Amino acid sequence: MSELLDKQFQFCEILPKLLEEILRRGYKYTLGCAYCVKEGHHRKGSCHYVRLAIDINLFKDGVWLKDGSGHDELHDFWSELGGAKPVPGDLNHYSVEYLGRR
């Protein structure tokens, strides 16, 4: 098996745990971009291009938390599961590190 495939399996195994934790903490969410095939939608080399990232939009009491609130605590949980640290300025981005990328 390839390293990339192993990372994709890891990402798919920990993502449902994050989604359950979001609900447990009283948030709602919608899913943003997961897999992108078109360059330019994300920064060059993004893990979205290799199926290792997803954007998650958090809501509290029906309000979209566009300011990134809530994501800090969720990124701590994500890191405990083996996910990558957050990308500065892109708090709704959750990924698994691969070849030094997040």
PDB file of N, CA and C in Angstrom:
ATOM      1  N   MET A   1       0.835  -1.175   0.000  1.00  0.00           N
ATOM      2  CA  MET A   1       0.000   0.000   0.000  1.00  0.00           C
ATOM      3  C   MET A   1       0.891   1.254   0.000  1.00  0.00           C
ATOM      4  N   SER A   2       0.423   2.301  -0.614  1.00  0.00           N
ATOM      5  CA  SER A   2       1.201   3.527  -0.687  1.00  0.00           C
ATOM      6  C   SER A   2       1.007   4.376   0.567  1.00  0.00           C
ATOM      7  N   GLU A   3       1.959   5.259   0.811  1.00  0.00           N
ATOM      8  CA  GLU A   3       1.847   6.173   1.949  1.00  0.00           C
ATOM      9  C   GLU A   3       0.622   7.077   1.807  1.00  0.00           C
ATOM     10  N   LEU A   4       0.359   7.540   0.584  1.00  0.00           N
ATOM     11  CA  LEU A   4      -0.806   8.396   0.366  1.00  0.00           C
ATOM     12  C   LEU A   4      -2.097   7.656   0.693  1.00  0.00           C
ATOM     13  N   LEU A   5      -2.218   6.431   0.230  1.00  0.00           N
ATOM     14  CA  LEU A   5      -3.429   5.665   0.511  1.00  0.00           C
ATOM     15  C   LEU A   5      -3.589   5.432   2.010  1.00  0.00           C
ATOM     16  N   ASP A   6      -2.497   5.140   2.694  1.00  0.00           N
ATOM     17  CA  ASP A   6      -2.556   4.981   4.152  1.00  0.00           C
ATOM     18  C   ASP A   6      -3.060   6.260   4.823  1.00  0.00           C
ATOM     19  N   LYS A   7      -2.584   7.407   4.361  1.00  0.00           N
ATOM     20  CA  LYS A   7      -3.017   8.688   4.915  1.00  0.00           C
ATOM     21  C   LYS A   7      -4.497   8.940   4.608  1.00  0.00           C
ATOM     22  N   GLN A   8      -4.945   8.574   3.409  1.00  0.00           N
ATOM     23  CA  GLN A   8      -6.359   8.738   3.056  1.00  0.00           C
ATOM     24  C   GLN A   8      -7.238   7.868   3.953  1.00  0.00           C
ATOM     25  N   PHE A   9      -6.799   6.638   4.220  1.00  0.00           N
ATOM     26  CA  PHE A   9      -7.546   5.779   5.141  1.00  0.00           C
ATOM     27  C   PHE A   9      -7.600   6.406   6.527  1.00  0.00           C
ATOM     28  N   GLN A  10      -6.465   6.935   7.004  1.00  0.00           N
ATOM     29  CA  GLN A  10      -6.411   7.576   8.315  1.00  0.00           C
ATOM     30  C   GLN A  10      -7.383   8.747   8.374  1.00  0.00           C
ATOM     31  N   PHE A  11      -7.357   9.590   7.359  1.00  0.00           N
ATOM     32  CA  PHE A  11      -8.245  10.753   7.309  1.00  0.00           C
ATOM     33  C   PHE A  11      -9.705  10.316   7.405  1.00  0.00           C
ATOM     34  N   CYS A  12     -10.086   9.302   6.634  1.00  0.00           N
ATOM     35  CA  CYS A  12     -11.476   8.823   6.634  1.00  0.00           C
ATOM     36  C   CYS A  12     -11.864   8.154   7.947  1.00  0.00           C
ATOM     37  N   GLU A  13     -10.892   7.614   8.673  1.00  0.00           N
ATOM     38  CA  GLU A  13     -11.187   6.993   9.966  1.00  0.00           C
ATOM     39  C   GLU A  13     -11.404   8.026  11.060  1.00  0.00           C
ATOM     40  N   ILE A  14     -10.669   9.144  11.021  1.00  0.00           N
ATOM     41  CA  ILE A  14     -10.796  10.118  12.107  1.00  0.00           C
ATOM     42  C   ILE A  14     -11.845  11.194  11.834  1.00  0.00           C
ATOM     43  N   LEU A  15     -12.197  11.417  10.573  1.00  0.00           N
ATOM     44  CA  LEU A  15     -13.176  12.452  10.257  1.00  0.00           C
ATOM     45  C   LEU A  15     -14.532  12.228  10.947  1.00  0.00           C
ATOM     46  N   PRO A  16     -15.104  11.025  10.937  1.00  0.00           N
ATOM     47  CA  PRO A  16     -16.397  10.844  11.625  1.00  0.00           C
ATOM     48  C   PRO A  16     -16.318  11.143  13.125  1.00  0.00           C
ATOM     49  N   LYS A  17     -15.163  10.894  13.730  1.00  0.00           N
ATOM     50  CA  LYS A  17     -14.999  11.198  15.152  1.00  0.00           C
ATOM     51  C   LYS A  17     -15.061  12.701  15.381  1.00  0.00           C
ATOM     52  N   LEU A  18     -14.458  13.479  14.480  1.00  0.00           N
ATOM     53  CA  LEU A  18     -14.530  14.934  14.585  1.00  0.00           C
ATOM     54  C   LEU A  18     -15.965  15.412  14.408  1.00  0.00           C
ATOM     55  N   LEU A  19     -16.657  14.871  13.432  1.00  0.00           N
ATOM     56  CA  LEU A  19     -18.038  15.294  13.182  1.00  0.00           C
ATOM     57  C   LEU A  19     -18.945  14.984  14.372  1.00  0.00           C
ATOM     58  N   GLU A  20     -18.744  13.834  15.005  1.00  0.00           N
ATOM     59  CA  GLU A  20     -19.510  13.499  16.209  1.00  0.00           C
ATOM     60  C   GLU A  20     -19.186  14.469  17.339  1.00  0.00           C
ATOM     61  N   GLU A  21     -17.908  14.825  17.470  1.00  0.00           N
ATOM     62  CA  GLU A  21     -17.488  15.749  18.530  1.00  0.00           C
ATOM     63  C   GLU A  21     -18.087  17.131  18.323  1.00  0.00           C
ATOM     64  N   ILE A  22     -18.188  17.568  17.085  1.00  0.00           N
ATOM     65  CA  ILE A  22     -18.808  18.859  16.791  1.00  0.00           C
ATOM     66  C   ILE A  22     -20.240  18.884  17.326  1.00  0.00           C
ATOM     67  N   LEU A  23     -20.993  17.838  17.042  1.00  0.00           N
ATOM     68  CA  LEU A  23     -22.379  17.757  17.523  1.00  0.00           C
ATOM     69  C   LEU A  23     -22.438  17.651  19.043  1.00  0.00           C
ATOM     70  N   ARG A  24     -21.532  16.873  19.616  1.00  0.00           N
ATOM     71  CA  ARG A  24     -21.496  16.695  21.065  1.00  0.00           C
ATOM     72  C   ARG A  24     -21.278  18.026  21.775  1.00  0.00           C
ATOM     73  N   ARG A  25     -20.520  18.910  21.156  1.00  0.00           N
ATOM     74  CA  ARG A  25     -20.229  20.222  21.758  1.00  0.00           C
ATOM     75  C   ARG A  25     -21.313  21.256  21.475  1.00  0.00           C
ATOM     76  N   GLY A  26     -22.389  20.838  20.832  1.00  0.00           N
ATOM     77  CA  GLY A  26     -23.524  21.722  20.643  1.00  0.00           C
ATOM     78  C   GLY A  26     -23.503  22.552  19.373  1.00  0.00           C
ATOM     79  N   TYR A  27     -22.603  22.229  18.469  1.00  0.00           N
ATOM     80  CA  TYR A  27     -22.547  22.930  17.184  1.00  0.00           C
ATOM     81  C   TYR A  27     -23.323  22.147  16.136  1.00  0.00           C
ATOM     82  N   LYS A  28     -23.647  22.799  15.061  1.00  0.00           N
ATOM     83  CA  LYS A  28     -24.115  22.175  13.828  1.00  0.00           C
ATOM     84  C   LYS A  28     -23.053  22.494  12.793  1.00  0.00           C
ATOM     85  N   TYR A  29     -23.091  21.808  11.662  1.00  0.00           N
ATOM     86  CA  TYR A  29     -22.078  22.067  10.647  1.00  0.00           C
ATOM     87  C   TYR A  29     -22.605  21.768   9.255  1.00  0.00           C
ATOM     88  N   THR A  30     -21.946  22.372   8.297  1.00  0.00           N
ATOM     89  CA  THR A  30     -22.094  21.979   6.903  1.00  0.00           C
ATOM     90  C   THR A  30     -20.695  21.680   6.395  1.00  0.00           C
ATOM     91  N   LEU A  31     -20.641  20.861   5.369  1.00  0.00           N
ATOM     92  CA  LEU A  31     -19.349  20.488   4.807  1.00  0.00           C
ATOM     93  C   LEU A  31     -19.008  21.397   3.641  1.00  0.00           C
ATOM     94  N   GLY A  32     -17.783  21.830   3.616  1.00  0.00           N
ATOM     95  CA  GLY A  32     -17.275  22.617   2.499  1.00  0.00           C
ATOM     96  C   GLY A  32     -16.504  21.700   1.569  1.00  0.00           C
ATOM     97  N   CYS A  33     -15.541  22.256   0.925  1.00  0.00           N
ATOM     98  CA  CYS A  33     -14.752  21.529  -0.061  1.00  0.00           C
ATOM     99  C   CYS A  33     -13.980  20.388   0.595  1.00  0.00           C
ATOM    100  N   ALA A  34     -14.020  19.229  -0.022  1.00  0.00           N
ATOM    101  CA  ALA A  34     -13.229  18.095   0.434  1.00  0.00           C
ATOM    102  C   ALA A  34     -12.178  17.760  -0.624  1.00  0.00           C
ATOM    103  N   TYR A  35     -12.596  17.269  -1.758  1.00  0.00           N
ATOM    104  CA  TYR A  35     -11.663  16.893  -2.810  1.00  0.00           C
ATOM    105  C   TYR A  35     -11.791  17.860  -3.968  1.00  0.00           C
ATOM    106  N   CYS A  36     -10.693  18.429  -4.377  1.00  0.00           N
ATOM    107  CA  CYS A  36     -10.689  19.385  -5.490  1.00  0.00           C
ATOM    108  C   CYS A  36      -9.837  18.837  -6.626  1.00  0.00           C
ATOM    109  N   VAL A  37     -10.320  18.971  -7.810  1.00  0.00           N
ATOM    110  CA  VAL A  37      -9.548  18.552  -8.979  1.00  0.00           C
ATOM    111  C   VAL A  37      -9.053  19.752  -9.774  1.00  0.00           C
ATOM    112  N   LYS A  38      -9.600  20.910  -9.503  1.00  0.00           N
ATOM    113  CA  LYS A  38      -9.254  22.095 -10.275  1.00  0.00           C
ATOM    114  C   LYS A  38      -8.266  22.962  -9.499  1.00  0.00           C
ATOM    115  N   GLU A  39      -7.074  23.122 -10.035  1.00  0.00           N
ATOM    116  CA  GLU A  39      -6.083  23.996  -9.413  1.00  0.00           C
ATOM    117  C   GLU A  39      -6.633  25.409  -9.317  1.00  0.00           C
ATOM    118  N   GLY A  40      -6.235  26.109  -8.290  1.00  0.00           N
ATOM    119  CA  GLY A  40      -6.648  27.485  -8.133  1.00  0.00           C
ATOM    120  C   GLY A  40      -7.734  27.689  -7.094  1.00  0.00           C
ATOM    121  N   HIS A  41      -8.499  26.640  -6.802  1.00  0.00           N
ATOM    122  CA  HIS A  41      -9.539  26.772  -5.783  1.00  0.00           C
ATOM    123  C   HIS A  41      -8.915  26.897  -4.393  1.00  0.00           C
ATOM    124  N   HIS A  42      -7.841  26.197  -4.169  1.00  0.00           N
ATOM    125  CA  HIS A  42      -7.111  26.222  -2.903  1.00  0.00           C
ATOM    126  C   HIS A  42      -5.663  26.598  -3.179  1.00  0.00           C
ATOM    127  N   ARG A  43      -4.925  26.833  -2.118  1.00  0.00           N
ATOM    128  CA  ARG A  43      -3.525  27.188  -2.293  1.00  0.00           C
ATOM    129  C   ARG A  43      -2.767  26.033  -2.949  1.00  0.00           C
ATOM    130  N   LYS A  44      -1.711  26.373  -3.637  1.00  0.00           N
ATOM    131  CA  LYS A  44      -0.916  25.376  -4.344  1.00  0.00           C
ATOM    132  C   LYS A  44      -0.407  24.315  -3.363  1.00  0.00           C
ATOM    133  N   GLY A  45      -0.526  23.060  -3.744  1.00  0.00           N
ATOM    134  CA  GLY A  45      -0.071  21.962  -2.908  1.00  0.00           C
ATOM    135  C   GLY A  45      -1.027  21.573  -1.797  1.00  0.00           C
ATOM    136  N   SER A  46      -2.229  22.109  -1.795  1.00  0.00           N
ATOM    137  CA  SER A  46      -3.198  21.832  -0.746  1.00  0.00           C
ATOM    138  C   SER A  46      -3.504  20.338  -0.648  1.00  0.00           C
ATOM    139  N   CYS A  47      -3.748  19.890   0.570  1.00  0.00           N
ATOM    140  CA  CYS A  47      -4.136  18.494   0.791  1.00  0.00           C
ATOM    141  C   CYS A  47      -5.518  18.182   0.226  1.00  0.00           C
ATOM    142  N   HIS A  48      -6.295  19.203  -0.132  1.00  0.00           N
ATOM    143  CA  HIS A  48      -7.578  18.963  -0.793  1.00  0.00           C
ATOM    144  C   HIS A  48      -7.375  18.215  -2.119  1.00  0.00           C
ATOM    145  N   TYR A  49      -6.250  18.455  -2.779  1.00  0.00           N
ATOM    146  CA  TYR A  49      -6.003  17.843  -4.094  1.00  0.00           C
ATOM    147  C   TYR A  49      -5.671  16.358  -4.005  1.00  0.00           C
ATOM    148  N   VAL A  50      -5.343  15.881  -2.796  1.00  0.00           N
ATOM    149  CA  VAL A  50      -5.012  14.457  -2.640  1.00  0.00           C
ATOM    150  C   VAL A  50      -5.950  13.765  -1.640  1.00  0.00           C
ATOM    151  N   ARG A  51      -7.135  14.330  -1.474  1.00  0.00           N
ATOM    152  CA  ARG A  51      -8.191  13.738  -0.623  1.00  0.00           C
ATOM    153  C   ARG A  51      -7.785  13.599   0.845  1.00  0.00           C
ATOM    154  N   LEU A  52      -7.077  14.627   1.339  1.00  0.00           N
ATOM    155  CA  LEU A  52      -6.644  14.598   2.727  1.00  0.00           C
ATOM    156  C   LEU A  52      -7.095  15.824   3.515  1.00  0.00           C
ATOM    157  N   ALA A  53      -8.112  16.524   3.031  1.00  0.00           N
ATOM    158  CA  ALA A  53      -8.582  17.721   3.731  1.00  0.00           C
ATOM    159  C   ALA A  53     -10.063  17.951   3.460  1.00  0.00           C
ATOM    160  N   ILE A  54     -10.672  18.653   4.396  1.00  0.00           N
ATOM    161  CA  ILE A  54     -12.067  19.060   4.244  1.00  0.00           C
ATOM    162  C   ILE A  54     -12.249  20.390   4.971  1.00  0.00           C
ATOM    163  N   ASP A  55     -13.146  21.209   4.460  1.00  0.00           N
ATOM    164  CA  ASP A  55     -13.526  22.448   5.129  1.00  0.00           C
ATOM    165  C   ASP A  55     -14.863  22.215   5.821  1.00  0.00           C
ATOM    166  N   ILE A  56     -14.947  22.640   7.072  1.00  0.00           N
ATOM    167  CA  ILE A  56     -16.157  22.451   7.866  1.00  0.00           C
ATOM    168  C   ILE A  56     -16.637  23.819   8.348  1.00  0.00           C
ATOM    169  N   ASN A  57     -17.880  24.122   8.050  1.00  0.00           N
ATOM    170  CA  ASN A  57     -18.493  25.386   8.462  1.00  0.00           C
ATOM    171  C   ASN A  57     -19.295  25.156   9.738  1.00  0.00           C
ATOM    172  N   LEU A  58     -18.902  25.823  10.820  1.00  0.00           N
ATOM    173  CA  LEU A  58     -19.570  25.667  12.113  1.00  0.00           C
ATOM    174  C   LEU A  58     -20.714  26.654  12.282  1.00  0.00           C
ATOM    175  N   PHE A  59     -21.765  26.169  12.936  1.00  0.00           N
ATOM    176  CA  PHE A  59     -22.931  26.991  13.258  1.00  0.00           C
ATOM    177  C   PHE A  59     -23.267  26.818  14.734  1.00  0.00           C
ATOM    178  N   LYS A  60     -23.691  27.896  15.363  1.00  0.00           N
ATOM    179  CA  LYS A  60     -24.171  27.854  16.741  1.00  0.00           C
ATOM    180  C   LYS A  60     -25.468  28.635  16.786  1.00  0.00           C
ATOM    181  N   ASP A  61     -26.524  27.998  17.259  1.00  0.00           N
ATOM    182  CA  ASP A  61     -27.850  28.630  17.333  1.00  0.00           C
ATOM    183  C   ASP A  61     -28.276  29.184  15.972  1.00  0.00           C
ATOM    184  N   GLY A  62     -27.975  28.447  14.924  1.00  0.00           N
ATOM    185  CA  GLY A  62     -28.372  28.827  13.574  1.00  0.00           C
ATOM    186  C   GLY A  62     -27.518  29.887  12.925  1.00  0.00           C
ATOM    187  N   VAL A  63     -26.462  30.325  13.611  1.00  0.00           N
ATOM    188  CA  VAL A  63     -25.591  31.373  13.082  1.00  0.00           C
ATOM    189  C   VAL A  63     -24.262  30.767  12.656  1.00  0.00           C
ATOM    190  N   TRP A  64     -23.884  31.054  11.417  1.00  0.00           N
ATOM    191  CA  TRP A  64     -22.603  30.585  10.878  1.00  0.00           C
ATOM    192  C   TRP A  64     -21.486  31.363  11.568  1.00  0.00           C
ATOM    193  N   LEU A  65     -20.553  30.650  12.182  1.00  0.00           N
ATOM    194  CA  LEU A  65     -19.450  31.260  12.915  1.00  0.00           C
ATOM    195  C   LEU A  65     -18.299  31.565  11.952  1.00  0.00           C
ATOM    196  N   LYS A  66     -18.485  32.571  11.142  1.00  0.00           N
ATOM    197  CA  LYS A  66     -17.508  32.934  10.111  1.00  0.00           C
ATOM    198  C   LYS A  66     -16.199  33.451  10.688  1.00  0.00           C
ATOM    199  N   ASP A  67     -16.227  33.886  11.950  1.00  0.00           N
ATOM    200  CA  ASP A  67     -15.020  34.437  12.561  1.00  0.00           C
ATOM    201  C   ASP A  67     -14.047  33.360  13.030  1.00  0.00           C
ATOM    202  N   GLY A  68     -14.413  32.087  12.859  1.00  0.00           N
ATOM    203  CA  GLY A  68     -13.522  30.993  13.251  1.00  0.00           C
ATOM    204  C   GLY A  68     -13.708  30.514  14.669  1.00  0.00           C
ATOM    205  N   SER A  69     -14.605  31.147  15.431  1.00  0.00           N
ATOM    206  CA  SER A  69     -14.805  30.714  16.809  1.00  0.00           C
ATOM    207  C   SER A  69     -15.282  29.265  16.834  1.00  0.00           C
ATOM    208  N   GLY A  70     -14.825  28.567  17.854  1.00  0.00           N
ATOM    209  CA  GLY A  70     -15.141  27.150  17.993  1.00  0.00           C
ATOM    210  C   GLY A  70     -14.099  26.235  17.373  1.00  0.00           C
ATOM    211  N   HIS A  71     -13.426  26.702  16.367  1.00  0.00           N
ATOM    212  CA  HIS A  71     -12.470  25.843  15.670  1.00  0.00           C
ATOM    213  C   HIS A  71     -11.203  25.572  16.484  1.00  0.00           C
ATOM    214  N   ASP A  72     -10.776  26.519  17.327  1.00  0.00           N
ATOM    215  CA  ASP A  72      -9.559  26.285  18.114  1.00  0.00           C
ATOM    216  C   ASP A  72      -9.689  25.019  18.953  1.00  0.00           C
ATOM    217  N   GLU A  73     -10.790  24.910  19.685  1.00  0.00           N
ATOM    218  CA  GLU A  73     -10.988  23.739  20.540  1.00  0.00           C
ATOM    219  C   GLU A  73     -11.153  22.467  19.704  1.00  0.00           C
ATOM    220  N   LEU A  74     -11.775  22.594  18.555  1.00  0.00           N
ATOM    221  CA  LEU A  74     -11.951  21.418  17.699  1.00  0.00           C
ATOM    222  C   LEU A  74     -10.631  20.995  17.064  1.00  0.00           C
ATOM    223  N   HIS A  75      -9.760  21.945  16.755  1.00  0.00           N
ATOM    224  CA  HIS A  75      -8.447  21.576  16.220  1.00  0.00           C
ATOM    225  C   HIS A  75      -7.605  20.862  17.269  1.00  0.00           C
ATOM    226  N   ASP A  76      -7.763  21.216  18.534  1.00  0.00           N
ATOM    227  CA  ASP A  76      -7.069  20.474  19.595  1.00  0.00           C
ATOM    228  C   ASP A  76      -7.526  19.018  19.587  1.00  0.00           C
ATOM    229  N   PHE A  77      -8.821  18.807  19.497  1.00  0.00           N
ATOM    230  CA  PHE A  77      -9.374  17.450  19.433  1.00  0.00           C
ATOM    231  C   PHE A  77      -8.868  16.732  18.180  1.00  0.00           C
ATOM    232  N   TRP A  78      -8.899  17.418  17.043  1.00  0.00           N
ATOM    233  CA  TRP A  78      -8.445  16.856  15.767  1.00  0.00           C
ATOM    234  C   TRP A  78      -6.984  16.407  15.858  1.00  0.00           C
ATOM    235  N   SER A  79      -6.153  17.222  16.488  1.00  0.00           N
ATOM    236  CA  SER A  79      -4.733  16.879  16.649  1.00  0.00           C
ATOM    237  C   SER A  79      -4.558  15.632  17.504  1.00  0.00           C
ATOM    238  N   GLU A  80      -5.379  15.505  18.542  1.00  0.00           N
ATOM    239  CA  GLU A  80      -5.325  14.313  19.394  1.00  0.00           C
ATOM    240  C   GLU A  80      -5.650  13.048  18.597  1.00  0.00           C
ATOM    241  N   LEU A  81      -6.490  13.180  17.583  1.00  0.00           N
ATOM    242  CA  LEU A  81      -6.855  12.035  16.741  1.00  0.00           C
ATOM    243  C   LEU A  81      -5.775  11.703  15.715  1.00  0.00           C
ATOM    244  N   GLY A  82      -4.812  12.610  15.527  1.00  0.00           N
ATOM    245  CA  GLY A  82      -3.765  12.400  14.533  1.00  0.00           C
ATOM    246  C   GLY A  82      -3.847  13.344  13.352  1.00  0.00           C
ATOM    247  N   GLY A  83      -4.795  14.275  13.399  1.00  0.00           N
ATOM    248  CA  GLY A  83      -4.928  15.262  12.328  1.00  0.00           C
ATOM    249  C   GLY A  83      -3.851  16.327  12.414  1.00  0.00           C
ATOM    250  N   ALA A  84      -3.687  17.062  11.330  1.00  0.00           N
ATOM    251  CA  ALA A  84      -2.676  18.109  11.259  1.00  0.00           C
ATOM    252  C   ALA A  84      -3.085  19.327  12.066  1.00  0.00           C
ATOM    253  N   LYS A  85      -2.098  20.110  12.460  1.00  0.00           N
ATOM    254  CA  LYS A  85      -2.362  21.385  13.125  1.00  0.00           C
ATOM    255  C   LYS A  85      -3.069  22.307  12.148  1.00  0.00           C
ATOM    256  N   PRO A  86      -3.809  23.296  12.663  1.00  0.00           N
ATOM    257  CA  PRO A  86      -4.557  24.182  11.757  1.00  0.00           C
ATOM    258  C   PRO A  86      -3.632  25.010  10.866  1.00  0.00           C
ATOM    259  N   VAL A  87      -4.138  25.341   9.709  1.00  0.00           N
ATOM    260  CA  VAL A  87      -3.439  26.227   8.784  1.00  0.00           C
ATOM    261  C   VAL A  87      -3.771  27.656   9.202  1.00  0.00           C
ATOM    262  N   PRO A  88      -2.770  28.482   9.489  1.00  0.00           N
ATOM    263  CA  PRO A  88      -3.052  29.861   9.899  1.00  0.00           C
ATOM    264  C   PRO A  88      -3.971  30.571   8.902  1.00  0.00           C
ATOM    265  N   GLY A  89      -4.995  31.222   9.439  1.00  0.00           N
ATOM    266  CA  GLY A  89      -5.928  31.961   8.599  1.00  0.00           C
ATOM    267  C   GLY A  89      -6.968  31.110   7.900  1.00  0.00           C
ATOM    268  N   ASP A  90      -6.979  29.816   8.169  1.00  0.00           N
ATOM    269  CA  ASP A  90      -7.915  28.897   7.501  1.00  0.00           C
ATOM    270  C   ASP A  90      -8.446  27.909   8.538  1.00  0.00           C
ATOM    271  N   LEU A  91      -9.088  28.439   9.580  1.00  0.00           N
ATOM    272  CA  LEU A  91      -9.476  27.616  10.717  1.00  0.00           C
ATOM    273  C   LEU A  91     -10.521  26.556  10.407  1.00  0.00           C
ATOM    274  N   ASN A  92     -11.304  26.719   9.349  1.00  0.00           N
ATOM    275  CA  ASN A  92     -12.309  25.693   9.054  1.00  0.00           C
ATOM    276  C   ASN A  92     -11.722  24.540   8.234  1.00  0.00           C
ATOM    277  N   HIS A  93     -10.416  24.537   8.034  1.00  0.00           N
ATOM    278  CA  HIS A  93      -9.701  23.524   7.251  1.00  0.00           C
ATOM    279  C   HIS A  93      -9.163  22.442   8.190  1.00  0.00           C
ATOM    280  N   TYR A  94      -9.537  21.197   7.920  1.00  0.00           N
ATOM    281  CA  TYR A  94      -9.075  20.043   8.695  1.00  0.00           C
ATOM    282  C   TYR A  94      -8.395  19.082   7.737  1.00  0.00           C
ATOM    283  N   SER A  95      -7.177  18.668   8.085  1.00  0.00           N
ATOM    284  CA  SER A  95      -6.412  17.829   7.164  1.00  0.00           C
ATOM    285  C   SER A  95      -5.527  16.862   7.934  1.00  0.00           C
ATOM    286  N   VAL A  96      -4.906  15.969   7.169  1.00  0.00           N
ATOM    287  CA  VAL A  96      -3.873  15.080   7.658  1.00  0.00           C
ATOM    288  C   VAL A  96      -2.600  15.470   6.921  1.00  0.00           C
ATOM    289  N   GLU A  97      -1.518  15.616   7.664  1.00  0.00           N
ATOM    290  CA  GLU A  97      -0.263  16.052   7.042  1.00  0.00           C
ATOM    291  C   GLU A  97       0.280  14.981   6.094  1.00  0.00           C
ATOM    292  N   TYR A  98       0.786  15.463   4.986  1.00  0.00           N
ATOM    293  CA  TYR A  98       1.361  14.569   3.965  1.00  0.00           C
ATOM    294  C   TYR A  98       2.461  15.315   3.222  1.00  0.00           C
ATOM    295  N   LEU A  99       3.638  14.763   3.235  1.00  0.00           N
ATOM    296  CA  LEU A  99       4.809  15.362   2.560  1.00  0.00           C
ATOM    297  C   LEU A  99       5.025  16.810   2.994  1.00  0.00           C
ATOM    298  N   GLY A 100       4.835  17.059   4.285  1.00  0.00           N
ATOM    299  CA  GLY A 100       5.045  18.381   4.847  1.00  0.00           C
ATOM    300  C   GLY A 100       3.926  19.365   4.612  1.00  0.00           C
ATOM    301  N   ARG A 101       2.856  18.916   3.957  1.00  0.00           N
ATOM    302  CA  ARG A 101       1.706  19.798   3.666  1.00  0.00           C
ATOM    303  C   ARG A 101       0.587  19.503   4.656  1.00  0.00           C
ATOM    304  N   ARG A 102      -0.262  20.530   4.863  1.00  0.00           N
ATOM    305  CA  ARG A 102      -1.423  20.352   5.742  1.00  0.00           C
ATOM    306  C   ARG A 102      -2.687  20.769   5.030  1.00  0.00           C
TER     307      ARG A 102
END
